[in-house]
Amino acid sequence: MTSQEALDAILSDTLPRQGRWSDEEYLWLTDRTRRLIEFTDGCIEELPVPTSTHQAILAFLYRALYAYMAPLGGAVMFSALRLRIREGKFREPDILVLRDRADSRYQDRFWLGADLVAEIVIAPVRRNTHRPARNAGRRRRQR
């Protein structure tokens, strides 16, 4: 059996180097992985895993936009549908909306544009790692 090191070497020799990926190679990669990956001018960028808060906001927006757009014949999709911005640039936005489901930009493998694109951005939570000392006198009284 091939060792992990040998397999890594095979893949390293086979896959393009960072900065040299093509649109088709990016699509090939993202067709075969569950990771969120965006692409710009030959460079691959792995996106962070969404948080529960992010997903709750996404679900809320999706339901609201879908309820509005579906009766009008529109289409609403959520990540990780790829959006081709231009040759050499793909994004995986959180929400994509087309006013008309018959719009030629609506494709199965990736969209060629959208009437609305939204990205949910949540500031990282800073946790205070310094905890104030408890009031020793109060603690004694609680015993």
C-alpha atoms as a PDB file:
ATOM      1  CA  MET A   1       0.000   0.000   0.000  1.00  0.00           C
ATOM      2  CA  THR A   2       1.163   3.555  -0.758  1.00  0.00           C
ATOM      3  CA  SER A   3       2.246   5.531   2.297  1.00  0.00           C
ATOM      4  CA  GLN A   4       0.615   8.858   3.180  1.00  0.00           C
ATOM      5  CA  GLU A   5       3.880  10.637   2.375  1.00  0.00           C
ATOM      6  CA  ALA A   6       3.984   9.055  -1.097  1.00  0.00           C
ATOM      7  CA  LEU A   7       0.331   9.926  -1.707  1.00  0.00           C
ATOM      8  CA  ASP A   8       0.970  13.521  -0.612  1.00  0.00           C
ATOM      9  CA  ALA A   9       3.867  13.683  -3.085  1.00  0.00           C
ATOM     10  CA  ILE A  10       1.680  12.312  -5.905  1.00  0.00           C
ATOM     11  CA  LEU A  11      -1.048  14.856  -5.173  1.00  0.00           C
ATOM     12  CA  SER A  12       1.476  17.662  -4.838  1.00  0.00           C
ATOM     13  CA  ASP A  13       2.906  16.785  -8.266  1.00  0.00           C
ATOM     14  CA  THR A  14      -0.571  16.406  -9.808  1.00  0.00           C
ATOM     15  CA  LEU A  15      -2.517  19.381  -8.432  1.00  0.00           C
ATOM     16  CA  PRO A  16      -1.704  22.935  -9.496  1.00  0.00           C
ATOM     17  CA  ARG A  17       0.379  25.143  -7.239  1.00  0.00           C
ATOM     18  CA  GLN A  18      -1.305  28.039  -5.431  1.00  0.00           C
ATOM     19  CA  GLY A  19      -1.763  30.884  -7.925  1.00  0.00           C
ATOM     20  CA  ARG A  20      -1.910  28.545 -10.926  1.00  0.00           C
ATOM     21  CA  TRP A  21      -5.378  27.019 -10.652  1.00  0.00           C
ATOM     22  CA  SER A  22      -7.798  27.348 -13.577  1.00  0.00           C
ATOM     23  CA  ASP A  23     -11.576  27.749 -13.398  1.00  0.00           C
ATOM     24  CA  GLU A  24     -12.050  24.090 -14.397  1.00  0.00           C
ATOM     25  CA  GLU A  25      -9.549  22.843 -11.826  1.00  0.00           C
ATOM     26  CA  TYR A  26     -11.322  24.883  -9.118  1.00  0.00           C
ATOM     27  CA  LEU A  27     -14.688  23.457 -10.195  1.00  0.00           C
ATOM     28  CA  TRP A  28     -13.218  19.939 -10.221  1.00  0.00           C
ATOM     29  CA  LEU A  29     -11.951  20.426  -6.651  1.00  0.00           C
ATOM     30  CA  THR A  30     -15.181  21.903  -5.278  1.00  0.00           C
ATOM     31  CA  ASP A  31     -17.264  19.212  -6.973  1.00  0.00           C
ATOM     32  CA  ARG A  32     -15.357  16.682  -4.863  1.00  0.00           C
ATOM     33  CA  THR A  33     -15.174  18.258  -1.418  1.00  0.00           C
ATOM     34  CA  ARG A  34     -17.534  19.524   1.254  1.00  0.00           C
ATOM     35  CA  ARG A  35     -15.208  22.355   2.225  1.00  0.00           C
ATOM     36  CA  LEU A  36     -16.186  25.937   1.487  1.00  0.00           C
ATOM     37  CA  ILE A  37     -13.654  27.190  -1.047  1.00  0.00           C
ATOM     38  CA  GLU A  38     -13.505  30.400  -3.062  1.00  0.00           C
ATOM     39  CA  PHE A  39     -11.286  31.145  -6.035  1.00  0.00           C
ATOM     40  CA  THR A  40      -9.568  34.297  -7.296  1.00  0.00           C
ATOM     41  CA  ASP A  41      -7.104  34.507 -10.169  1.00  0.00           C
ATOM     42  CA  GLY A  42      -5.568  31.093  -9.685  1.00  0.00           C
ATOM     43  CA  CYS A  43      -5.636  31.102  -5.868  1.00  0.00           C
ATOM     44  CA  ILE A  44      -7.760  28.856  -3.662  1.00  0.00           C
ATOM     45  CA  GLU A  45      -9.077  30.190  -0.343  1.00  0.00           C
ATOM     46  CA  GLU A  46     -10.684  27.896   2.209  1.00  0.00           C
ATOM     47  CA  LEU A  47     -13.461  29.625   4.153  1.00  0.00           C
ATOM     48  CA  PRO A  48     -14.100  29.175   7.886  1.00  0.00           C
ATOM     49  CA  VAL A  49     -16.809  26.815   9.064  1.00  0.00           C
ATOM     50  CA  PRO A  50     -20.009  28.755   9.851  1.00  0.00           C
ATOM     51  CA  THR A  51     -21.157  29.146  13.446  1.00  0.00           C
ATOM     52  CA  SER A  52     -24.629  28.357  14.798  1.00  0.00           C
ATOM     53  CA  THR A  53     -25.367  32.100  14.959  1.00  0.00           C
ATOM     54  CA  HIS A  54     -24.351  32.501  11.327  1.00  0.00           C
ATOM     55  CA  GLN A  55     -26.567  29.578  10.288  1.00  0.00           C
ATOM     56  CA  ALA A  56     -29.556  30.906  12.275  1.00  0.00           C
ATOM     57  CA  ILE A  57     -29.286  34.287  10.541  1.00  0.00           C
ATOM     58  CA  LEU A  58     -28.906  32.543   7.183  1.00  0.00           C
ATOM     59  CA  ALA A  59     -32.010  30.417   7.811  1.00  0.00           C
ATOM     60  CA  PHE A  60     -34.038  33.485   8.801  1.00  0.00           C
ATOM     61  CA  LEU A  61     -32.973  35.445   5.694  1.00  0.00           C
ATOM     62  CA  TYR A  62     -33.551  32.487   3.400  1.00  0.00           C
ATOM     63  CA  ARG A  63     -37.081  31.884   4.693  1.00  0.00           C
ATOM     64  CA  ALA A  64     -37.989  35.583   4.431  1.00  0.00           C
ATOM     65  CA  LEU A  65     -36.558  36.010   0.922  1.00  0.00           C
ATOM     66  CA  TYR A  66     -38.028  32.729  -0.296  1.00  0.00           C
ATOM     67  CA  ALA A  67     -41.502  33.618   1.035  1.00  0.00           C
ATOM     68  CA  TYR A  68     -41.320  36.889  -0.900  1.00  0.00           C
ATOM     69  CA  MET A  69     -39.656  35.706  -4.122  1.00  0.00           C
ATOM     70  CA  ALA A  70     -41.218  32.282  -4.748  1.00  0.00           C
ATOM     71  CA  PRO A  71     -44.753  33.573  -5.496  1.00  0.00           C
ATOM     72  CA  LEU A  72     -43.200  36.109  -7.903  1.00  0.00           C
ATOM     73  CA  GLY A  73     -41.348  33.374  -9.814  1.00  0.00           C
ATOM     74  CA  GLY A  74     -37.946  34.162  -8.357  1.00  0.00           C
ATOM     75  CA  ALA A  75     -35.221  31.880  -7.098  1.00  0.00           C
ATOM     76  CA  VAL A  76     -33.462  32.004  -3.744  1.00  0.00           C
ATOM     77  CA  MET A  77     -30.469  29.819  -2.920  1.00  0.00           C
ATOM     78  CA  PHE A  78     -28.050  29.612  -0.016  1.00  0.00           C
ATOM     79  CA  SER A  79     -24.435  28.563   0.416  1.00  0.00           C
ATOM     80  CA  ALA A  80     -22.571  26.683  -0.811  1.00  0.00           C
ATOM     81  CA  LEU A  81     -23.776  27.417  -4.348  1.00  0.00           C
ATOM     82  CA  ARG A  82     -20.933  28.828  -6.409  1.00  0.00           C
ATOM     83  CA  LEU A  83     -21.276  32.194  -8.120  1.00  0.00           C
ATOM     84  CA  ARG A  84     -19.001  33.044 -11.026  1.00  0.00           C
ATOM     85  CA  ILE A  85     -18.139  36.731 -10.788  1.00  0.00           C
ATOM     86  CA  ARG A  86     -15.958  36.645 -13.896  1.00  0.00           C
ATOM     87  CA  GLU A  87     -13.439  34.321 -15.479  1.00  0.00           C
ATOM     88  CA  GLY A  88     -10.975  33.463 -12.730  1.00  0.00           C
ATOM     89  CA  LYS A  89     -13.221  34.468  -9.814  1.00  0.00           C
ATOM     90  CA  PHE A  90     -15.799  32.386  -7.944  1.00  0.00           C
ATOM     91  CA  ARG A  91     -17.486  33.066  -4.627  1.00  0.00           C
ATOM     92  CA  GLU A  92     -19.769  31.017  -2.370  1.00  0.00           C
ATOM     93  CA  PRO A  93     -22.053  33.715  -0.924  1.00  0.00           C
ATOM     94  CA  ASP A  94     -24.543  32.990   1.838  1.00  0.00           C
ATOM     95  CA  ILE A  95     -27.642  34.075  -0.130  1.00  0.00           C
ATOM     96  CA  LEU A  96     -28.253  34.419  -3.876  1.00  0.00           C
ATOM     97  CA  VAL A  97     -31.478  35.804  -5.371  1.00  0.00           C
ATOM     98  CA  LEU A  98     -32.781  36.020  -8.931  1.00  0.00           C
ATOM     99  CA  ARG A  99     -36.063  37.831  -9.570  1.00  0.00           C
ATOM    100  CA  ASP A 100     -36.854  35.410 -12.412  1.00  0.00           C
ATOM    101  CA  ARG A 101     -36.173  31.697 -12.116  1.00  0.00           C
ATOM    102  CA  ALA A 102     -35.974  31.555 -15.925  1.00  0.00           C
ATOM    103  CA  ASP A 103     -33.035  34.009 -15.904  1.00  0.00           C
ATOM    104  CA  SER A 104     -30.155  32.630 -18.004  1.00  0.00           C
ATOM    105  CA  ARG A 105     -27.763  33.245 -15.104  1.00  0.00           C
ATOM    106  CA  TYR A 106     -29.530  30.457 -13.200  1.00  0.00           C
ATOM    107  CA  GLN A 107     -27.367  27.387 -13.800  1.00  0.00           C
ATOM    108  CA  ASP A 108     -27.134  24.068 -12.037  1.00  0.00           C
ATOM    109  CA  ARG A 109     -23.382  23.800 -11.406  1.00  0.00           C
ATOM    110  CA  PHE A 110     -22.867  27.490 -10.588  1.00  0.00           C
ATOM    111  CA  TRP A 111     -24.705  30.757 -11.169  1.00  0.00           C
ATOM    112  CA  LEU A 112     -23.429  33.339 -13.631  1.00  0.00           C
ATOM    113  CA  GLY A 113     -24.799  36.297 -11.663  1.00  0.00           C
ATOM    114  CA  ALA A 114     -27.612  37.323  -9.329  1.00  0.00           C
ATOM    115  CA  ASP A 115     -29.920  40.244  -8.587  1.00  0.00           C
ATOM    116  CA  LEU A 116     -29.033  40.107  -4.894  1.00  0.00           C
ATOM    117  CA  VAL A 117     -26.078  38.522  -3.145  1.00  0.00           C
ATOM    118  CA  ALA A 118     -25.646  38.610   0.633  1.00  0.00           C
ATOM    119  CA  GLU A 119     -22.820  37.589   2.895  1.00  0.00           C
ATOM    120  CA  ILE A 120     -23.433  37.282   6.621  1.00  0.00           C
ATOM    121  CA  VAL A 121     -20.588  38.821   8.565  1.00  0.00           C
ATOM    122  CA  ILE A 122     -20.399  38.303  12.291  1.00  0.00           C
ATOM    123  CA  ALA A 123     -17.734  39.952  14.401  1.00  0.00           C
ATOM    124  CA  PRO A 124     -15.781  37.435  16.447  1.00  0.00           C
ATOM    125  CA  VAL A 125     -16.821  37.269  20.067  1.00  0.00           C
ATOM    126  CA  ARG A 126     -14.084  38.336  22.430  1.00  0.00           C
ATOM    127  CA  ARG A 127     -14.233  36.328  25.568  1.00  0.00           C
ATOM    128  CA  ASN A 128     -12.911  37.848  28.728  1.00  0.00           C
ATOM    129  CA  THR A 129     -10.427  35.298  29.970  1.00  0.00           C
ATOM    130  CA  HIS A 130      -9.764  37.302  33.116  1.00  0.00           C
ATOM    131  CA  ARG A 131     -12.376  36.476  35.703  1.00  0.00           C
ATOM    132  CA  PRO A 132     -12.661  38.820  38.653  1.00  0.00           C
ATOM    133  CA  ALA A 133     -11.935  37.194  41.981  1.00  0.00           C
ATOM    134  CA  ARG A 134     -15.002  36.295  43.976  1.00  0.00           C
ATOM    135  CA  ASN A 135     -15.715  38.152  47.140  1.00  0.00           C
ATOM    136  CA  ALA A 136     -14.164  35.815  49.718  1.00  0.00           C
ATOM    137  CA  GLY A 137     -16.345  37.159  52.526  1.00  0.00           C
ATOM    138  CA  ARG A 138     -19.520  36.560  50.535  1.00  0.00           C
ATOM    139  CA  ARG A 139     -18.402  33.066  49.614  1.00  0.00           C
ATOM    140  CA  ARG A 140     -17.807  32.149  53.266  1.00  0.00           C
ATOM    141  CA  ARG A 141     -21.308  33.242  54.155  1.00  0.00           C
ATOM    142  CA  GLN A 142     -22.749  31.010  51.432  1.00  0.00           C
ATOM    143  CA  ARG A 143     -21.284  27.845  52.938  1.00  0.00           C
END
